[in-house]
Amino acid sequence: MLYGLSLLAGIVLLFGGGEALIRGAVAGAKRMGVSPLLTGLVVVGFGTSAPELVVSIDAAIREQPDIAVGNIVGSNIGNILLILGLCAAICPMTVQPLALRRDGVVVVAASVLFIVLAWSGSLGRLEAALLLASLAAYLIWAYRTERQHPVPEGEMHAAEAEEVTAIPSSTGMIVVALVVGLAMLIGGSQLLLYGAIGLAQAMGISEAVIGLTIVAVGTSLPEMAVSVIAALRRHADVAVGNILGSNIFNVLGILGISAFLQPLPIAERVSQFDQWVMLGSAGILLLFLYTGMRLSRWEGAALLGGYVAYIALSFTIF
C-alpha cells in the first residue's frame, strides 16, 4: 500500500510539475522575445519530456539503469500506441503530411540509432556523445531551415506554442512557476522511484518491466495532456507533432544525458523485445504520415489494442 501510494503521489507531482514548468517556460520565452517557432520546437516539444528527463537522470545516478532505459523506451512506445491511439479514438485525426514527415523520419532514425548503439549491451559516454550530437544537429538543422524558408513544419511548431494557455503574466509568477515546477518534478521523481522499486521487489517483477510500463506511462502524462487537448481542438498536426518532438528528445537527449552521467547497461528483454516494438511503433506512425494522412477511430482503437497487447506480453511472456 505504501509503495502504491508513493507511486501515485509521484505521478501526480510529475504531472503538476511538468505543467507548471512548461507554462513558466513558455511565458518566459515570450517575455524574452523568443520566436513562436523556437518556443514550440524546443520549449513545448521537449518541455513535455521533463518528467522523463528527471526520472531517468535520477535512476541513472542511483545506478538503476533498467528504469532509466525502460522509462524512455516505454514512453516512446506509449506516446504512439497509447496517446496517439487515445487521441484518434476521441476525435479522428487528419494531418498535413508535409508538416510532420521530417520529424517522423527523425523519430525512426533515432530509434535505429539507439538499436545500433545499444548492440554492444550498454550505452557509455561515447554513445551518449553521439546521441547528444545528433540532437544538437537536428535542432540546428530544423531551426535554420524553418527560419530561412517558411515551411509547414515551422507553422506546426509555432502552433505548438499557441496551444499552451493560462501562462503566468508577470516576471515574479514566471519565476514561481519555474521553481515550483522544478521542485515538484524532483520530489515526484523521488517518490515515483521509491514506489516503483518497492513494488517491483514486493511483486517479484523486474525493474525493467516497471520502468517500461508504470513509470513510462506516469512520466508521459504531460504529452498526453497536450496531445489530447490539441486533438479536441481539431489541431491534429500539433497533437502528432508534440509526440514526435517528445520521442526525438527522449532517445537523443534524455538517454544521452543519462548515459553520459552514468553508463547504462541494456536489459536483455529490451534488446530482445522492447526496442523492436519501439521501432515498429515509429514505423507505423511514419506509414500513417506518408499514406492516408488520417487516423480514424477504428485505427486509434487498433493502436490502443496494440498497447494493451504490449502490456500483457510485458507481464507474461517477457
Protein backbone atom coordinates (compact mmCIF):
# COMPACT_ATOMS: atom_id res chain seq x y z
CA MET A 1 0.00 0.00 0.00
CA LEU A 2 2.80 2.42 0.91
CA TYR A 3 4.63 1.75 -2.35
CA GLY A 4 1.42 2.16 -4.34
CA LEU A 5 0.60 5.49 -2.67
CA SER A 6 4.15 6.70 -3.19
CA LEU A 7 3.94 5.76 -6.88
CA LEU A 8 0.61 7.56 -7.30
CA ALA A 9 1.83 10.66 -5.45
CA GLY A 10 4.97 10.72 -7.60
CA ILE A 11 2.93 10.59 -10.81
CA VAL A 12 0.68 13.44 -9.61
CA LEU A 13 3.68 15.60 -8.70
CA LEU A 14 5.41 14.85 -12.01
CA PHE A 15 2.32 15.82 -13.97
CA GLY A 16 1.78 19.02 -11.99
CA GLY A 17 5.44 19.93 -12.10
CA GLY A 18 5.64 19.33 -15.84
CA GLU A 19 2.62 21.53 -16.48
CA ALA A 20 3.97 24.35 -14.29
CA LEU A 21 7.40 24.16 -15.89
CA ILE A 22 6.01 24.27 -19.44
CA ARG A 23 3.74 27.24 -18.70
CA GLY A 24 6.52 29.13 -16.94
CA ALA A 25 9.00 28.40 -19.71
CA VAL A 26 6.58 29.44 -22.48
CA ALA A 27 5.75 32.66 -20.62
CA GLY A 28 9.44 33.37 -20.09
CA ALA A 29 10.22 32.72 -23.76
CA LYS A 30 7.50 35.15 -24.84
CA ARG A 31 8.71 37.81 -22.40
CA MET A 32 12.27 37.47 -23.75
CA GLY A 33 11.04 37.78 -27.33
CA VAL A 34 11.80 34.20 -28.35
CA SER A 35 10.00 33.36 -31.59
CA PRO A 36 6.95 31.07 -31.51
CA LEU A 37 8.88 28.73 -33.81
CA LEU A 38 11.74 28.20 -31.35
CA THR A 39 9.31 28.13 -28.41
CA GLY A 40 7.28 25.36 -29.99
CA LEU A 41 10.30 23.43 -31.25
CA VAL A 42 12.28 23.43 -28.00
CA VAL A 43 10.21 24.62 -25.03
CA VAL A 44 6.92 22.83 -25.73
CA GLY A 45 8.09 19.95 -27.88
CA PHE A 46 10.79 18.96 -25.41
CA GLY A 47 9.35 20.51 -22.26
CA THR A 48 6.68 17.84 -22.09
CA SER A 49 9.53 15.32 -21.64
CA ALA A 50 10.70 16.98 -18.41
CA PRO A 51 9.32 14.15 -16.19
CA GLU A 52 11.15 11.53 -18.27
CA LEU A 53 14.32 13.62 -18.03
CA VAL A 54 14.23 13.97 -14.25
CA VAL A 55 13.26 10.34 -13.59
CA SER A 56 15.83 8.82 -15.96
CA ILE A 57 18.66 11.03 -14.68
CA ASP A 58 17.69 10.21 -11.09
CA ALA A 59 17.57 6.49 -11.88
CA ALA A 60 20.93 6.64 -13.68
CA ILE A 61 22.60 8.40 -10.75
CA ARG A 62 21.12 5.79 -8.39
CA GLU A 63 22.59 3.08 -10.66
CA GLN A 64 19.18 1.73 -11.67
CA PRO A 65 19.73 1.51 -15.44
CA ASP A 66 16.73 -0.73 -16.13
CA ILE A 67 14.37 2.03 -15.01
CA ALA A 68 16.38 4.78 -16.73
CA VAL A 69 16.34 2.99 -20.10
CA GLY A 70 12.94 1.35 -19.66
CA ASN A 71 11.34 4.71 -18.90
CA ILE A 72 12.47 6.12 -22.26
CA VAL A 73 11.76 3.08 -24.43
CA GLY A 74 8.39 2.54 -22.73
CA SER A 75 7.47 6.23 -23.05
CA ASN A 76 8.19 6.24 -26.77
CA ILE A 77 6.03 3.16 -27.25
CA GLY A 78 3.23 4.61 -25.12
CA ASN A 79 3.38 8.01 -26.83
CA ILE A 80 2.47 6.44 -30.17
CA LEU A 81 0.31 3.45 -29.32
CA LEU A 82 -1.43 4.78 -26.21
CA ILE A 83 -1.56 8.57 -26.59
CA LEU A 84 -1.98 8.79 -30.35
CA GLY A 85 -4.47 5.92 -30.22
CA LEU A 86 -6.42 7.68 -27.48
CA CYS A 87 -6.44 10.96 -29.43
CA ALA A 88 -7.76 9.24 -32.55
CA ALA A 89 -10.39 7.33 -30.57
CA ILE A 90 -11.64 10.63 -29.14
CA CYS A 91 -11.56 12.52 -32.44
CA PRO A 92 -10.48 11.22 -35.90
CA MET A 93 -7.23 12.94 -36.85
CA THR A 94 -6.33 14.38 -40.26
CA VAL A 95 -2.80 15.75 -40.59
CA GLN A 96 -0.85 17.76 -43.14
CA PRO A 97 1.92 15.32 -44.12
CA LEU A 98 4.46 17.95 -45.15
CA ALA A 99 4.39 19.41 -41.63
CA LEU A 100 5.31 16.12 -39.99
CA ARG A 101 7.27 13.95 -42.41
CA ARG A 102 10.71 15.29 -41.47
CA ASP A 103 10.22 14.74 -37.74
CA GLY A 104 8.62 11.36 -38.43
CA VAL A 105 11.75 10.26 -40.30
CA VAL A 106 13.93 11.59 -37.45
CA VAL A 107 11.95 9.54 -34.90
CA VAL A 108 12.57 6.36 -36.91
CA ALA A 109 16.24 7.30 -37.40
CA ALA A 110 16.65 7.96 -33.65
CA SER A 111 15.13 4.55 -32.87
CA VAL A 112 17.51 2.85 -35.31
CA LEU A 113 20.46 4.77 -33.83
CA PHE A 114 19.52 3.57 -30.34
CA ILE A 115 19.38 -0.06 -31.51
CA VAL A 116 22.79 0.25 -33.22
CA LEU A 117 24.48 1.93 -30.25
CA ALA A 118 22.89 -0.49 -27.75
CA TRP A 119 24.03 -3.53 -29.77
CA SER A 120 27.09 -3.90 -27.54
CA GLY A 121 24.86 -4.29 -24.49
CA SER A 122 25.33 -0.86 -22.91
CA LEU A 123 25.35 2.87 -23.54
CA GLY A 124 28.59 4.53 -22.42
CA ARG A 125 29.86 8.08 -22.68
CA LEU A 126 30.89 7.68 -26.32
CA GLU A 127 27.39 6.55 -27.27
CA ALA A 128 25.98 9.36 -25.12
CA ALA A 129 28.07 11.91 -27.02
CA LEU A 130 26.79 10.56 -30.35
CA LEU A 131 23.18 10.81 -29.16
CA LEU A 132 23.60 14.37 -27.89
CA ALA A 133 25.47 15.44 -31.03
CA SER A 134 22.61 14.04 -33.12
CA LEU A 135 20.10 16.04 -31.09
CA ALA A 136 22.12 19.24 -31.50
CA ALA A 137 22.40 18.65 -35.26
CA TYR A 138 18.64 18.10 -35.53
CA LEU A 139 17.82 21.29 -33.62
CA ILE A 140 20.22 23.44 -35.62
CA TRP A 141 19.02 21.96 -38.92
CA ALA A 142 15.35 22.33 -38.05
CA TYR A 143 15.59 25.89 -36.76
CA ARG A 144 17.76 27.20 -39.60
CA THR A 145 15.68 25.69 -42.39
CA GLU A 146 12.38 26.77 -40.85
CA ARG A 147 13.58 30.29 -40.12
CA GLN A 148 15.12 30.92 -43.54
CA HIS A 149 12.40 29.29 -45.61
CA PRO A 150 8.85 29.19 -44.16
CA VAL A 151 7.72 25.57 -44.29
CA PRO A 152 4.73 23.63 -42.88
CA GLU A 153 6.94 22.21 -40.10
CA GLY A 154 7.65 25.74 -38.87
CA GLU A 155 3.96 26.63 -38.80
CA MET A 156 3.26 23.47 -36.82
CA HIS A 157 5.98 24.18 -34.24
CA ALA A 158 4.73 27.76 -33.86
CA ALA A 159 1.22 26.40 -33.34
CA GLU A 160 2.52 24.19 -30.54
CA ALA A 161 3.44 27.31 -28.56
CA GLU A 162 -0.06 28.69 -29.04
CA GLU A 163 -1.61 25.55 -27.52
CA VAL A 164 -0.16 26.37 -24.10
CA THR A 165 -2.66 28.65 -22.35
CA ALA A 166 -3.10 30.08 -18.83
CA ILE A 167 0.54 31.13 -18.68
CA PRO A 168 1.93 33.46 -15.96
CA SER A 169 1.74 37.16 -16.84
CA SER A 170 4.35 38.69 -14.52
CA THR A 171 8.05 38.02 -14.07
CA GLY A 172 7.50 37.03 -10.45
CA MET A 173 4.86 34.45 -11.36
CA ILE A 174 7.08 33.08 -14.13
CA VAL A 175 9.89 32.51 -11.63
CA VAL A 176 7.46 30.92 -9.17
CA ALA A 177 6.10 28.59 -11.87
CA LEU A 178 9.61 27.51 -12.89
CA VAL A 179 10.85 26.98 -9.32
CA VAL A 180 7.70 25.20 -8.14
CA GLY A 181 7.58 23.09 -11.29
CA LEU A 182 11.19 22.00 -10.91
CA ALA A 183 10.71 21.24 -7.19
CA MET A 184 7.62 19.14 -7.96
CA LEU A 185 9.48 17.25 -10.68
CA ILE A 186 12.38 16.42 -8.35
CA GLY A 187 10.09 15.44 -5.47
CA GLY A 188 7.83 13.46 -7.79
CA SER A 189 10.82 11.62 -9.22
CA GLN A 190 11.97 10.56 -5.75
CA LEU A 191 8.50 9.29 -4.80
CA LEU A 192 7.96 7.56 -8.13
CA LEU A 193 11.25 5.68 -7.97
CA TYR A 194 10.71 4.70 -4.33
CA GLY A 195 7.26 3.34 -5.11
CA ALA A 196 8.23 1.68 -8.39
CA ILE A 197 11.28 -0.10 -6.99
CA GLY A 198 9.37 -1.14 -3.88
CA LEU A 199 6.51 -2.57 -5.95
CA ALA A 200 8.91 -4.41 -8.23
CA GLN A 201 10.63 -6.05 -5.27
CA ALA A 202 7.38 -6.83 -3.44
CA MET A 203 5.71 -8.36 -6.52
CA GLY A 204 8.80 -10.14 -7.84
CA ILE A 205 8.73 -8.12 -11.09
CA SER A 206 11.89 -6.84 -12.73
CA GLU A 207 12.69 -3.15 -12.58
CA ALA A 208 12.83 -3.14 -16.39
CA VAL A 209 9.15 -4.12 -16.62
CA ILE A 210 8.14 -1.48 -14.07
CA GLY A 211 10.16 1.15 -15.92
CA LEU A 212 8.76 0.18 -19.31
CA THR A 213 5.13 0.25 -18.16
CA ILE A 214 4.07 2.04 -14.96
CA VAL A 215 6.92 4.55 -14.80
CA ALA A 216 6.77 5.21 -18.56
CA VAL A 217 3.03 5.94 -18.51
CA GLY A 218 3.36 8.14 -15.44
CA THR A 219 6.07 10.30 -16.98
CA SER A 220 4.17 10.59 -20.28
CA LEU A 221 1.17 12.37 -18.77
CA PRO A 222 2.25 15.88 -19.95
CA GLU A 223 2.47 14.60 -23.55
CA MET A 224 -0.96 13.04 -23.11
CA ALA A 225 -2.44 16.29 -21.80
CA VAL A 226 -1.03 18.46 -24.63
CA SER A 227 -1.93 15.98 -27.38
CA VAL A 228 -5.46 15.20 -26.17
CA ILE A 229 -6.28 18.91 -25.77
CA ALA A 230 -4.91 19.61 -29.26
CA ALA A 231 -6.94 16.73 -30.70
CA LEU A 232 -10.13 18.01 -29.06
CA ARG A 233 -9.44 21.42 -30.64
CA ARG A 234 -9.07 19.68 -34.04
CA HIS A 235 -5.36 20.57 -34.14
CA ALA A 236 -4.18 17.13 -35.20
CA ASP A 237 -0.82 18.37 -36.52
CA VAL A 238 0.05 19.77 -33.10
CA ALA A 239 -1.07 16.58 -31.33
CA VAL A 240 1.12 14.38 -33.54
CA GLY A 241 3.95 16.92 -33.65
CA ASN A 242 4.12 17.00 -29.86
CA ILE A 243 4.53 13.23 -29.79
CA LEU A 244 7.23 13.31 -32.47
CA GLY A 245 9.20 16.02 -30.66
CA SER A 246 8.94 14.20 -27.36
CA ASN A 247 10.12 10.90 -28.84
CA ILE A 248 13.11 12.58 -30.51
CA PHE A 249 14.18 14.25 -27.28
CA ASN A 250 13.59 11.09 -25.22
CA VAL A 251 16.04 8.99 -27.21
CA LEU A 252 18.64 11.55 -28.30
CA GLY A 253 18.51 13.94 -25.34
CA ILE A 254 17.45 12.10 -22.20
CA LEU A 255 19.24 8.83 -22.89
CA GLY A 256 22.27 10.84 -24.00
CA ILE A 257 22.38 12.86 -20.77
CA SER A 258 21.66 9.83 -18.57
CA ALA A 259 24.31 7.66 -20.22
CA PHE A 260 26.86 10.48 -20.03
CA LEU A 261 26.33 10.75 -16.27
CA GLN A 262 26.35 7.00 -15.69
CA PRO A 263 26.93 4.21 -18.27
CA LEU A 264 23.67 2.29 -18.82
CA PRO A 265 23.64 -1.49 -19.34
CA ILE A 266 20.75 -2.54 -21.60
CA ALA A 267 18.44 -5.20 -20.13
CA GLU A 268 18.23 -8.39 -22.19
CA ARG A 269 14.46 -8.10 -22.62
CA VAL A 270 14.85 -4.57 -24.01
CA SER A 271 17.30 -5.89 -26.63
CA GLN A 272 15.12 -8.86 -27.49
CA PHE A 273 11.68 -7.25 -27.44
CA ASP A 274 11.03 -3.66 -26.41
CA GLN A 275 13.44 -1.82 -28.72
CA TRP A 276 11.83 -3.57 -31.69
CA VAL A 277 8.36 -2.58 -30.50
CA MET A 278 9.61 1.00 -30.23
CA LEU A 279 10.97 0.89 -33.78
CA GLY A 280 7.82 -0.78 -35.08
CA SER A 281 5.63 1.87 -33.44
CA ALA A 282 7.69 4.62 -35.04
CA GLY A 283 7.39 2.85 -38.40
CA ILE A 284 3.60 2.63 -38.04
CA LEU A 285 3.38 6.34 -37.32
CA LEU A 286 5.61 7.17 -40.30
CA LEU A 287 3.47 4.95 -42.54
CA PHE A 288 0.39 6.82 -41.33
CA LEU A 289 2.00 10.15 -42.19
CA TYR A 290 3.00 9.00 -45.67
CA THR A 291 -0.23 7.28 -46.73
CA GLY A 292 -3.75 8.00 -45.58
CA MET A 293 -2.94 11.18 -43.60
CA ARG A 294 -5.97 10.35 -41.49
CA LEU A 295 -6.26 8.27 -38.35
CA SER A 296 -9.80 7.05 -37.85
CA ARG A 297 -11.40 5.94 -34.60
CA TRP A 298 -11.01 2.31 -35.68
CA GLU A 299 -7.31 2.82 -36.34
CA GLY A 300 -6.97 4.59 -33.00
CA ALA A 301 -8.67 1.63 -31.35
CA ALA A 302 -6.22 -0.69 -33.12
CA LEU A 303 -3.28 1.30 -31.70
CA LEU A 304 -4.79 1.10 -28.22
CA GLY A 305 -5.28 -2.63 -28.70
CA GLY A 306 -1.63 -2.91 -29.69
CA TYR A 307 -0.62 -1.18 -26.47
CA VAL A 308 -2.82 -3.48 -24.38
CA ALA A 309 -1.17 -6.46 -26.08
CA TYR A 310 2.28 -4.99 -25.39
CA ILE A 311 1.46 -4.54 -21.70
CA ALA A 312 0.06 -8.08 -21.47
CA LEU A 313 3.20 -9.54 -23.06
CA SER A 314 5.38 -7.43 -20.77
CA PHE A 315 3.87 -9.00 -17.65
CA THR A 316 3.65 -12.57 -19.03
CA ILE A 317 5.95 -13.93 -21.73
CA PHE A 318 8.62 -11.25 -21.45
